[in-house]
Amino acid sequence: SAGGDPVAFVMGARAVPDSRTFVGSGKLAEIGEQVRECCAE
């Protein structure tokens, strides 16, 4: 609706959000890899 074009959808589960980055270090690395692969803006 905002006019975005989703190139990837990363899902996961966590007991409580991380206070620093919301996601854990492993999930953060996975998101970073997907960003580089898909050239996400």
PDB file of all heavy atoms in Angstrom:
ATOM      1  N   SER A   1       0.830  -1.208   0.000  1.00  0.00           N
ATOM      2  CA  SER A   1       0.000   0.000   0.000  1.00  0.00           C
ATOM      3  C   SER A   1       0.864   1.257   0.000  1.00  0.00           C
ATOM      4  O   SER A   1       0.482   2.292  -0.550  1.00  0.00           O
ATOM      5  CB  SER A   1      -0.919  -0.012   1.223  1.00  0.00           C
ATOM      6  OG  SER A   1      -1.821   1.060   1.194  1.00  0.00           O
ATOM      7  N   ALA A   2       2.061   1.173   0.615  1.00  0.00           N
ATOM      8  CA  ALA A   2       2.978   2.318   0.660  1.00  0.00           C
ATOM      9  C   ALA A   2       3.755   2.475  -0.638  1.00  0.00           C
ATOM     10  O   ALA A   2       4.492   3.444  -0.812  1.00  0.00           O
ATOM     11  CB  ALA A   2       3.944   2.162   1.826  1.00  0.00           C
ATOM     12  N   GLY A   3       3.603   1.501  -1.547  1.00  0.00           N
ATOM     13  CA  GLY A   3       4.314   1.564  -2.822  1.00  0.00           C
ATOM     14  C   GLY A   3       5.643   0.831  -2.806  1.00  0.00           C
ATOM     15  O   GLY A   3       6.463   0.986  -3.716  1.00  0.00           O
ATOM     16  N   GLY A   4       5.862  -0.004  -1.769  1.00  0.00           N
ATOM     17  CA  GLY A   4       7.109  -0.766  -1.672  1.00  0.00           C
ATOM     18  C   GLY A   4       7.069  -2.024  -2.523  1.00  0.00           C
ATOM     19  O   GLY A   4       5.997  -2.497  -2.924  1.00  0.00           O
ATOM     20  N   ASP A   5       8.248  -2.578  -2.795  1.00  0.00           N
ATOM     21  CA  ASP A   5       8.368  -3.818  -3.580  1.00  0.00           C
ATOM     22  C   ASP A   5       9.188  -4.815  -2.765  1.00  0.00           C
ATOM     23  O   ASP A   5      10.420  -4.807  -2.822  1.00  0.00           O
ATOM     24  CB  ASP A   5       9.048  -3.518  -4.924  1.00  0.00           C
ATOM     25  CG  ASP A   5       9.172  -4.768  -5.785  1.00  0.00           C
ATOM     26  OD1 ASP A   5       8.446  -5.742  -5.521  1.00  0.00           O
ATOM     27  OD2 ASP A   5      10.017  -4.771  -6.714  1.00  0.00           O
ATOM     28  N   PRO A   6       8.515  -5.675  -1.952  1.00  0.00           N
ATOM     29  CA  PRO A   6       9.253  -6.610  -1.086  1.00  0.00           C
ATOM     30  C   PRO A   6      10.077  -7.602  -1.910  1.00  0.00           C
ATOM     31  O   PRO A   6       9.550  -8.253  -2.814  1.00  0.00           O
ATOM     32  CB  PRO A   6       8.135  -7.339  -0.321  1.00  0.00           C
ATOM     33  CG  PRO A   6       6.914  -6.487  -0.495  1.00  0.00           C
ATOM     34  CD  PRO A   6       7.059  -5.817  -1.811  1.00  0.00           C
ATOM     35  N   VAL A   7      11.373  -7.686  -1.604  1.00  0.00           N
ATOM     36  CA  VAL A   7      12.243  -8.621  -2.328  1.00  0.00           C
ATOM     37  C   VAL A   7      12.554  -9.856  -1.486  1.00  0.00           C
ATOM     38  O   VAL A   7      12.958 -10.890  -2.024  1.00  0.00           O
ATOM     39  CB  VAL A   7      13.560  -7.926  -2.754  1.00  0.00           C
ATOM     40  CG1 VAL A   7      13.294  -6.896  -3.830  1.00  0.00           C
ATOM     41  CG2 VAL A   7      14.266  -7.286  -1.560  1.00  0.00           C
ATOM     42  N   ALA A   8      12.351  -9.751  -0.171  1.00  0.00           N
ATOM     43  CA  ALA A   8      12.588 -10.903   0.711  1.00  0.00           C
ATOM     44  C   ALA A   8      11.809 -10.704   2.002  1.00  0.00           C
ATOM     45  O   ALA A   8      11.506  -9.577   2.393  1.00  0.00           O
ATOM     46  CB  ALA A   8      14.078 -11.050   1.011  1.00  0.00           C
ATOM     47  N   PHE A   9      11.461 -11.828   2.635  1.00  0.00           N
ATOM     48  CA  PHE A   9      10.710 -11.787   3.896  1.00  0.00           C
ATOM     49  C   PHE A   9      11.429 -12.701   4.887  1.00  0.00           C
ATOM     50  O   PHE A   9      11.440 -13.912   4.719  1.00  0.00           O
ATOM     51  CB  PHE A   9       9.273 -12.269   3.674  1.00  0.00           C
ATOM     52  CG  PHE A   9       8.293 -11.726   4.687  1.00  0.00           C
ATOM     53  CD1 PHE A   9       7.026 -11.313   4.300  1.00  0.00           C
ATOM     54  CD2 PHE A   9       8.633 -11.602   6.031  1.00  0.00           C
ATOM     55  CE1 PHE A   9       6.118 -10.799   5.215  1.00  0.00           C
ATOM     56  CE2 PHE A   9       7.745 -11.097   6.955  1.00  0.00           C
ATOM     57  CZ  PHE A   9       6.484 -10.693   6.545  1.00  0.00           C
ATOM     58  N   VAL A  10      12.076 -12.112   5.885  1.00  0.00           N
ATOM     59  CA  VAL A  10      12.802 -12.884   6.902  1.00  0.00           C
ATOM     60  C   VAL A  10      11.906 -13.039   8.125  1.00  0.00           C
ATOM     61  O   VAL A  10      11.403 -12.051   8.660  1.00  0.00           O
ATOM     62  CB  VAL A  10      14.114 -12.177   7.298  1.00  0.00           C
ATOM     63  CG1 VAL A  10      14.811 -12.948   8.419  1.00  0.00           C
ATOM     64  CG2 VAL A  10      15.032 -12.047   6.102  1.00  0.00           C
ATOM     65  N   MET A  11      11.679 -14.281   8.545  1.00  0.00           N
ATOM     66  CA  MET A  11      10.836 -14.545   9.712  1.00  0.00           C
ATOM     67  C   MET A  11      11.641 -15.313  10.746  1.00  0.00           C
ATOM     68  O   MET A  11      12.624 -15.987  10.425  1.00  0.00           O
ATOM     69  CB  MET A  11       9.584 -15.323   9.303  1.00  0.00           C
ATOM     70  CG  MET A  11       8.726 -14.601   8.285  1.00  0.00           C
ATOM     71  SD  MET A  11       7.149 -15.385   7.978  1.00  0.00           S
ATOM     72  CE  MET A  11       6.271 -15.020   9.466  1.00  0.00           C
ATOM     73  N   GLY A  12      11.208 -15.202  11.983  1.00  0.00           N
ATOM     74  CA  GLY A  12      11.900 -15.899  13.054  1.00  0.00           C
ATOM     75  C   GLY A  12      11.091 -15.861  14.332  1.00  0.00           C
ATOM     76  O   GLY A  12       9.968 -15.360  14.363  1.00  0.00           O
ATOM     77  N   ALA A  13      11.662 -16.393  15.395  1.00  0.00           N
ATOM     78  CA  ALA A  13      10.986 -16.415  16.698  1.00  0.00           C
ATOM     79  C   ALA A  13      12.010 -16.087  17.776  1.00  0.00           C
ATOM     80  O   ALA A  13      13.196 -16.395  17.643  1.00  0.00           O
ATOM     81  CB  ALA A  13      10.355 -17.778  16.939  1.00  0.00           C
ATOM     82  N   ARG A  14      11.513 -15.450  18.821  1.00  0.00           N
ATOM     83  CA  ARG A  14      12.410 -15.058  19.915  1.00  0.00           C
ATOM     84  C   ARG A  14      11.585 -14.915  21.186  1.00  0.00           C
ATOM     85  O   ARG A  14      10.417 -14.521  21.143  1.00  0.00           O
ATOM     86  CB  ARG A  14      13.094 -13.733  19.554  1.00  0.00           C
ATOM     87  CG  ARG A  14      14.282 -13.391  20.419  1.00  0.00           C
ATOM     88  CD  ARG A  14      15.001 -12.165  19.903  1.00  0.00           C
ATOM     89  NE  ARG A  14      15.960 -11.689  20.901  1.00  0.00           N
ATOM     90  CZ  ARG A  14      17.178 -12.165  21.047  1.00  0.00           C
ATOM     91  NH1 ARG A  14      17.612 -13.132  20.248  1.00  0.00           N
ATOM     92  NH2 ARG A  14      17.990 -11.685  21.976  1.00  0.00           N
ATOM     93  N   ALA A  15      12.189 -15.243  22.318  1.00  0.00           N
ATOM     94  CA  ALA A  15      11.471 -15.153  23.598  1.00  0.00           C
ATOM     95  C   ALA A  15      11.197 -13.694  23.948  1.00  0.00           C
ATOM     96  O   ALA A  15      10.064 -13.308  24.232  1.00  0.00           O
ATOM     97  CB  ALA A  15      12.271 -15.833  24.695  1.00  0.00           C
ATOM     98  N   VAL A  16      12.247 -12.882  23.922  1.00  0.00           N
ATOM     99  CA  VAL A  16      12.122 -11.430  24.182  1.00  0.00           C
ATOM    100  C   VAL A  16      13.008 -10.694  23.184  1.00  0.00           C
ATOM    101  O   VAL A  16      14.047 -11.214  22.765  1.00  0.00           O
ATOM    102  CB  VAL A  16      12.543 -11.051  25.627  1.00  0.00           C
ATOM    103  CG1 VAL A  16      11.536 -11.547  26.638  1.00  0.00           C
ATOM    104  CG2 VAL A  16      13.938 -11.558  25.941  1.00  0.00           C
ATOM    105  N   PRO A  17      12.634  -9.471  22.783  1.00  0.00           N
ATOM    106  CA  PRO A  17      13.466  -8.722  21.834  1.00  0.00           C
ATOM    107  C   PRO A  17      14.816  -8.352  22.444  1.00  0.00           C
ATOM    108  O   PRO A  17      14.922  -8.129  23.649  1.00  0.00           O
ATOM    109  CB  PRO A  17      12.639  -7.450  21.550  1.00  0.00           C
ATOM    110  CG  PRO A  17      11.266  -7.738  22.052  1.00  0.00           C
ATOM    111  CD  PRO A  17      11.402  -8.736  23.145  1.00  0.00           C
ATOM    112  N   ASP A  18      15.850  -8.311  21.612  1.00  0.00           N
ATOM    113  CA  ASP A  18      17.166  -7.876  22.063  1.00  0.00           C
ATOM    114  C   ASP A  18      17.140  -6.360  22.274  1.00  0.00           C
ATOM    115  O   ASP A  18      16.617  -5.616  21.432  1.00  0.00           O
ATOM    116  CB  ASP A  18      18.217  -8.234  21.007  1.00  0.00           C
ATOM    117  CG  ASP A  18      19.618  -7.875  21.460  1.00  0.00           C
ATOM    118  OD1 ASP A  18      20.170  -8.605  22.291  1.00  0.00           O
ATOM    119  OD2 ASP A  18      20.146  -6.846  20.982  1.00  0.00           O
ATOM    120  N   SER A  19      17.674  -5.897  23.394  1.00  0.00           N
ATOM    121  CA  SER A  19      17.583  -4.469  23.726  1.00  0.00           C
ATOM    122  C   SER A  19      18.403  -3.602  22.767  1.00  0.00           C
ATOM    123  O   SER A  19      18.106  -2.431  22.569  1.00  0.00           O
ATOM    124  CB  SER A  19      18.055  -4.230  25.160  1.00  0.00           C
ATOM    125  OG  SER A  19      19.400  -4.668  25.303  1.00  0.00           O
ATOM    126  N   ARG A  20      19.433  -4.201  22.142  1.00  0.00           N
ATOM    127  CA  ARG A  20      20.313  -3.408  21.280  1.00  0.00           C
ATOM    128  C   ARG A  20      19.846  -3.399  19.820  1.00  0.00           C
ATOM    129  O   ARG A  20      19.769  -2.348  19.194  1.00  0.00           O
ATOM    130  CB  ARG A  20      21.737  -3.958  21.375  1.00  0.00           C
ATOM    131  CG  ARG A  20      22.763  -3.114  20.636  1.00  0.00           C
ATOM    132  CD  ARG A  20      24.182  -3.591  20.858  1.00  0.00           C
ATOM    133  NE  ARG A  20      25.085  -2.877  19.968  1.00  0.00           N
ATOM    134  CZ  ARG A  20      25.328  -3.227  18.711  1.00  0.00           C
ATOM    135  NH1 ARG A  20      24.743  -4.321  18.204  1.00  0.00           N
ATOM    136  NH2 ARG A  20      26.163  -2.512  17.953  1.00  0.00           N
ATOM    137  N   THR A  21      19.544  -4.566  19.267  1.00  0.00           N
ATOM    138  CA  THR A  21      19.200  -4.640  17.832  1.00  0.00           C
ATOM    139  C   THR A  21      17.846  -5.307  17.574  1.00  0.00           C
ATOM    140  O   THR A  21      17.521  -5.611  16.424  1.00  0.00           O
ATOM    141  CB  THR A  21      20.292  -5.407  17.062  1.00  0.00           C
ATOM    142  OG1 THR A  21      20.426  -6.715  17.634  1.00  0.00           O
ATOM    143  CG2 THR A  21      21.617  -4.671  17.099  1.00  0.00           C
ATOM    144  N   PHE A  22      17.057  -5.550  18.601  1.00  0.00           N
ATOM    145  CA  PHE A  22      15.741  -6.208  18.528  1.00  0.00           C
ATOM    146  C   PHE A  22      15.864  -7.694  18.163  1.00  0.00           C
ATOM    147  O   PHE A  22      15.211  -8.538  18.763  1.00  0.00           O
ATOM    148  CB  PHE A  22      14.814  -5.496  17.525  1.00  0.00           C
ATOM    149  CG  PHE A  22      13.376  -5.910  17.655  1.00  0.00           C
ATOM    150  CD1 PHE A  22      12.563  -5.326  18.609  1.00  0.00           C
ATOM    151  CD2 PHE A  22      12.830  -6.902  16.858  1.00  0.00           C
ATOM    152  CE1 PHE A  22      11.231  -5.710  18.764  1.00  0.00           C
ATOM    153  CE2 PHE A  22      11.501  -7.295  16.995  1.00  0.00           C
ATOM    154  CZ  PHE A  22      10.710  -6.688  17.951  1.00  0.00           C
ATOM    155  N   VAL A  23      16.698  -8.018  17.149  1.00  0.00           N
ATOM    156  CA  VAL A  23      16.912  -9.422  16.764  1.00  0.00           C
ATOM    157  C   VAL A  23      18.250  -9.896  17.339  1.00  0.00           C
ATOM    158  O   VAL A  23      19.089  -9.085  17.732  1.00  0.00           O
ATOM    159  CB  VAL A  23      16.912  -9.585  15.227  1.00  0.00           C
ATOM    160  CG1 VAL A  23      15.566  -9.246  14.653  1.00  0.00           C
ATOM    161  CG2 VAL A  23      17.981  -8.721  14.580  1.00  0.00           C
ATOM    162  N   GLY A  24      18.446 -11.202  17.368  1.00  0.00           N
ATOM    163  CA  GLY A  24      19.704 -11.758  17.866  1.00  0.00           C
ATOM    164  C   GLY A  24      20.825 -11.594  16.850  1.00  0.00           C
ATOM    165  O   GLY A  24      20.600 -11.223  15.697  1.00  0.00           O
ATOM    166  N   SER A  25      22.053 -11.931  17.259  1.00  0.00           N
ATOM    167  CA  SER A  25      23.210 -11.759  16.374  1.00  0.00           C
ATOM    168  C   SER A  25      23.127 -12.661  15.139  1.00  0.00           C
ATOM    169  O   SER A  25      23.512 -12.256  14.036  1.00  0.00           O
ATOM    170  CB  SER A  25      24.502 -12.045  17.149  1.00  0.00           C
ATOM    171  OG  SER A  25      24.448 -13.346  17.741  1.00  0.00           O
ATOM    172  N   GLY A  26      22.643 -13.898  15.330  1.00  0.00           N
ATOM    173  CA  GLY A  26      22.507 -14.822  14.196  1.00  0.00           C
ATOM    174  C   GLY A  26      21.495 -14.321  13.173  1.00  0.00           C
ATOM    175  O   GLY A  26      21.750 -14.338  11.960  1.00  0.00           O
ATOM    176  N   LYS A  27      20.342 -13.880  13.658  1.00  0.00           N
ATOM    177  CA  LYS A  27      19.296 -13.378  12.757  1.00  0.00           C
ATOM    178  C   LYS A  27      19.755 -12.082  12.080  1.00  0.00           C
ATOM    179  O   LYS A  27      19.440 -11.838  10.905  1.00  0.00           O
ATOM    180  CB  LYS A  27      18.008 -13.142  13.554  1.00  0.00           C
ATOM    181  CG  LYS A  27      16.789 -12.748  12.723  1.00  0.00           C
ATOM    182  CD  LYS A  27      16.421 -13.812  11.708  1.00  0.00           C
ATOM    183  CE  LYS A  27      15.879 -15.080  12.373  1.00  0.00           C
ATOM    184  NZ  LYS A  27      15.438 -16.071  11.353  1.00  0.00           N
ATOM    185  N   LEU A  28      20.528 -11.264  12.806  1.00  0.00           N
ATOM    186  CA  LEU A  28      21.045 -10.017  12.240  1.00  0.00           C
ATOM    187  C   LEU A  28      21.994 -10.318  11.076  1.00  0.00           C
ATOM    188  O   LEU A  28      21.953  -9.649  10.036  1.00  0.00           O
ATOM    189  CB  LEU A  28      21.755  -9.204  13.320  1.00  0.00           C
ATOM    190  CG  LEU A  28      22.255  -7.814  12.921  1.00  0.00           C
ATOM    191  CD1 LEU A  28      21.092  -6.924  12.512  1.00  0.00           C
ATOM    192  CD2 LEU A  28      23.023  -7.176  14.079  1.00  0.00           C
ATOM    193  N   ALA A  29      22.840 -11.347  11.252  1.00  0.00           N
ATOM    194  CA  ALA A  29      23.760 -11.745  10.180  1.00  0.00           C
ATOM    195  C   ALA A  29      22.983 -12.254   8.964  1.00  0.00           C
ATOM    196  O   ALA A  29      23.334 -11.963   7.812  1.00  0.00           O
ATOM    197  CB  ALA A  29      24.714 -12.822  10.700  1.00  0.00           C
ATOM    198  N   GLU A  30      21.881 -13.005   9.228  1.00  0.00           N
ATOM    199  CA  GLU A  30      21.045 -13.524   8.141  1.00  0.00           C
ATOM    200  C   GLU A  30      20.386 -12.372   7.363  1.00  0.00           C
ATOM    201  O   GLU A  30      20.352 -12.375   6.131  1.00  0.00           O
ATOM    202  CB  GLU A  30      19.966 -14.447   8.718  1.00  0.00           C
ATOM    203  CG  GLU A  30      19.071 -15.083   7.663  1.00  0.00           C
ATOM    204  CD  GLU A  30      17.880 -15.817   8.274  1.00  0.00           C
ATOM    205  OE1 GLU A  30      17.967 -16.226   9.455  1.00  0.00           O
ATOM    206  OE2 GLU A  30      16.853 -15.975   7.573  1.00  0.00           O
ATOM    207  N   ILE A  31      19.885 -11.368   8.108  1.00  0.00           N
ATOM    208  CA  ILE A  31      19.249 -10.208   7.465  1.00  0.00           C
ATOM    209  C   ILE A  31      20.285  -9.450   6.626  1.00  0.00           C
ATOM    210  O   ILE A  31      20.008  -9.058   5.485  1.00  0.00           O
ATOM    211  CB  ILE A  31      18.621  -9.272   8.527  1.00  0.00           C
ATOM    212  CG1 ILE A  31      17.463  -9.971   9.245  1.00  0.00           C
ATOM    213  CG2 ILE A  31      18.109  -7.983   7.876  1.00  0.00           C
ATOM    214  CD1 ILE A  31      16.962  -9.232  10.484  1.00  0.00           C
ATOM    215  N   GLY A  32      21.510  -9.265   7.189  1.00  0.00           N
ATOM    216  CA  GLY A  32      22.570  -8.565   6.457  1.00  0.00           C
ATOM    217  C   GLY A  32      22.944  -9.264   5.168  1.00  0.00           C
ATOM    218  O   GLY A  32      23.163  -8.621   4.130  1.00  0.00           O
ATOM    219  N   GLU A  33      22.988 -10.594   5.216  1.00  0.00           N
ATOM    220  CA  GLU A  33      23.305 -11.382   4.020  1.00  0.00           C
ATOM    221  C   GLU A  33      22.225 -11.221   2.952  1.00  0.00           C
ATOM    222  O   GLU A  33      22.520 -11.057   1.763  1.00  0.00           O
ATOM    223  CB  GLU A  33      23.437 -12.859   4.437  1.00  0.00           C
ATOM    224  CG  GLU A  33      24.047 -13.735   3.350  1.00  0.00           C
ATOM    225  CD  GLU A  33      24.197 -15.178   3.829  1.00  0.00           C
ATOM    226  OE1 GLU A  33      24.521 -15.384   5.022  1.00  0.00           O
ATOM    227  OE2 GLU A  33      23.969 -16.080   3.013  1.00  0.00           O
ATOM    228  N   GLN A  34      20.953 -11.253   3.399  1.00  0.00           N
ATOM    229  CA  GLN A  34      19.825 -11.078   2.462  1.00  0.00           C
ATOM    230  C   GLN A  34      19.827  -9.677   1.847  1.00  0.00           C
ATOM    231  O   GLN A  34      19.519  -9.501   0.674  1.00  0.00           O
ATOM    232  CB  GLN A  34      18.497 -11.310   3.200  1.00  0.00           C
ATOM    233  CG  GLN A  34      18.235 -12.741   3.594  1.00  0.00           C
ATOM    234  CD  GLN A  34      17.575 -13.532   2.464  1.00  0.00           C
ATOM    235  OE1 GLN A  34      17.489 -13.070   1.350  1.00  0.00           O
ATOM    236  NE2 GLN A  34      17.143 -14.740   2.793  1.00  0.00           N
ATOM    237  N   VAL A  35      20.194  -8.671   2.653  1.00  0.00           N
ATOM    238  CA  VAL A  35      20.254  -7.289   2.155  1.00  0.00           C
ATOM    239  C   VAL A  35      21.275  -7.183   1.032  1.00  0.00           C
ATOM    240  O   VAL A  35      21.022  -6.561  -0.011  1.00  0.00           O
ATOM    241  CB  VAL A  35      20.596  -6.301   3.304  1.00  0.00           C
ATOM    242  CG1 VAL A  35      20.970  -4.937   2.747  1.00  0.00           C
ATOM    243  CG2 VAL A  35      19.422  -6.175   4.258  1.00  0.00           C
ATOM    244  N   ARG A  36      22.455  -7.804   1.237  1.00  0.00           N
ATOM    245  CA  ARG A  36      23.514  -7.742   0.222  1.00  0.00           C
ATOM    246  C   ARG A  36      23.132  -8.529  -1.034  1.00  0.00           C
ATOM    247  O   ARG A  36      23.382  -8.094  -2.153  1.00  0.00           O
ATOM    248  CB  ARG A  36      24.830  -8.259   0.806  1.00  0.00           C
ATOM    249  CG  ARG A  36      25.468  -7.278   1.798  1.00  0.00           C
ATOM    250  CD  ARG A  36      26.833  -7.753   2.236  1.00  0.00           C
ATOM    251  NE  ARG A  36      26.761  -8.949   3.074  1.00  0.00           N
ATOM    252  CZ  ARG A  36      26.554  -8.934   4.385  1.00  0.00           C
ATOM    253  NH1 ARG A  36      26.390  -7.782   5.016  1.00  0.00           N
ATOM    254  NH2 ARG A  36      26.508 -10.062   5.074  1.00  0.00           N
ATOM    255  N   GLU A  37      22.510  -9.688  -0.838  1.00  0.00           N
ATOM    256  CA  GLU A  37      22.114 -10.524  -1.984  1.00  0.00           C
ATOM    257  C   GLU A  37      21.051  -9.841  -2.844  1.00  0.00           C
ATOM    258  O   GLU A  37      21.115  -9.869  -4.072  1.00  0.00           O
ATOM    259  CB  GLU A  37      21.578 -11.880  -1.487  1.00  0.00           C
ATOM    260  CG  GLU A  37      22.656 -12.886  -1.180  1.00  0.00           C
ATOM    261  CD  GLU A  37      22.063 -14.226  -0.745  1.00  0.00           C
ATOM    262  OE1 GLU A  37      20.876 -14.482  -1.053  1.00  0.00           O
ATOM    263  OE2 GLU A  37      22.783 -15.003  -0.100  1.00  0.00           O
ATOM    264  N   CYS A  38      20.036  -9.270  -2.172  1.00  0.00           N
ATOM    265  CA  CYS A  38      18.894  -8.682  -2.895  1.00  0.00           C
ATOM    266  C   CYS A  38      19.098  -7.208  -3.216  1.00  0.00           C
ATOM    267  O   CYS A  38      18.228  -6.591  -3.852  1.00  0.00           O
ATOM    268  CB  CYS A  38      17.613  -8.845  -2.079  1.00  0.00           C
ATOM    269  SG  CYS A  38      17.237 -10.537  -1.626  1.00  0.00           S
ATOM    270  N   CYS A  39      20.223  -6.637  -2.761  1.00  0.00           N
ATOM    271  CA  CYS A  39      20.475  -5.190  -2.939  1.00  0.00           C
ATOM    272  C   CYS A  39      19.306  -4.360  -2.396  1.00  0.00           C
ATOM    273  O   CYS A  39      18.824  -3.423  -3.063  1.00  0.00           O
ATOM    274  CB  CYS A  39      20.709  -4.863  -4.415  1.00  0.00           C
ATOM    275  SG  CYS A  39      22.136  -5.713  -5.111  1.00  0.00           S
ATOM    276  N   ALA A  40      18.825  -4.734  -1.220  1.00  0.00           N
ATOM    277  CA  ALA A  40      17.680  -4.041  -0.608  1.00  0.00           C
ATOM    278  C   ALA A  40      18.074  -2.631  -0.192  1.00  0.00           C
ATOM    279  O   ALA A  40      19.181  -2.401   0.313  1.00  0.00           O
ATOM    280  CB  ALA A  40      17.175  -4.825   0.601  1.00  0.00           C
ATOM    281  N   GLU A  41      17.173  -1.663  -0.414  1.00  0.00           N
ATOM    282  CA  GLU A  41      17.444  -0.269  -0.068  1.00  0.00           C
ATOM    283  C   GLU A  41      16.926   0.086   1.322  1.00  0.00           C
ATOM    284  O   GLU A  41      17.393   1.049   1.938  1.00  0.00           O
ATOM    285  CB  GLU A  41      16.780   0.657  -1.092  1.00  0.00           C
ATOM    286  CG  GLU A  41      17.350   0.497  -2.494  1.00  0.00           C
ATOM    287  CD  GLU A  41      16.594   1.327  -3.510  1.00  0.00           C
ATOM    288  OE1 GLU A  41      15.593   1.969  -3.112  1.00  0.00           O
ATOM    289  OE2 GLU A  41      16.998   1.336  -4.682  1.00  0.00           O
TER     290      GLU A  41
END
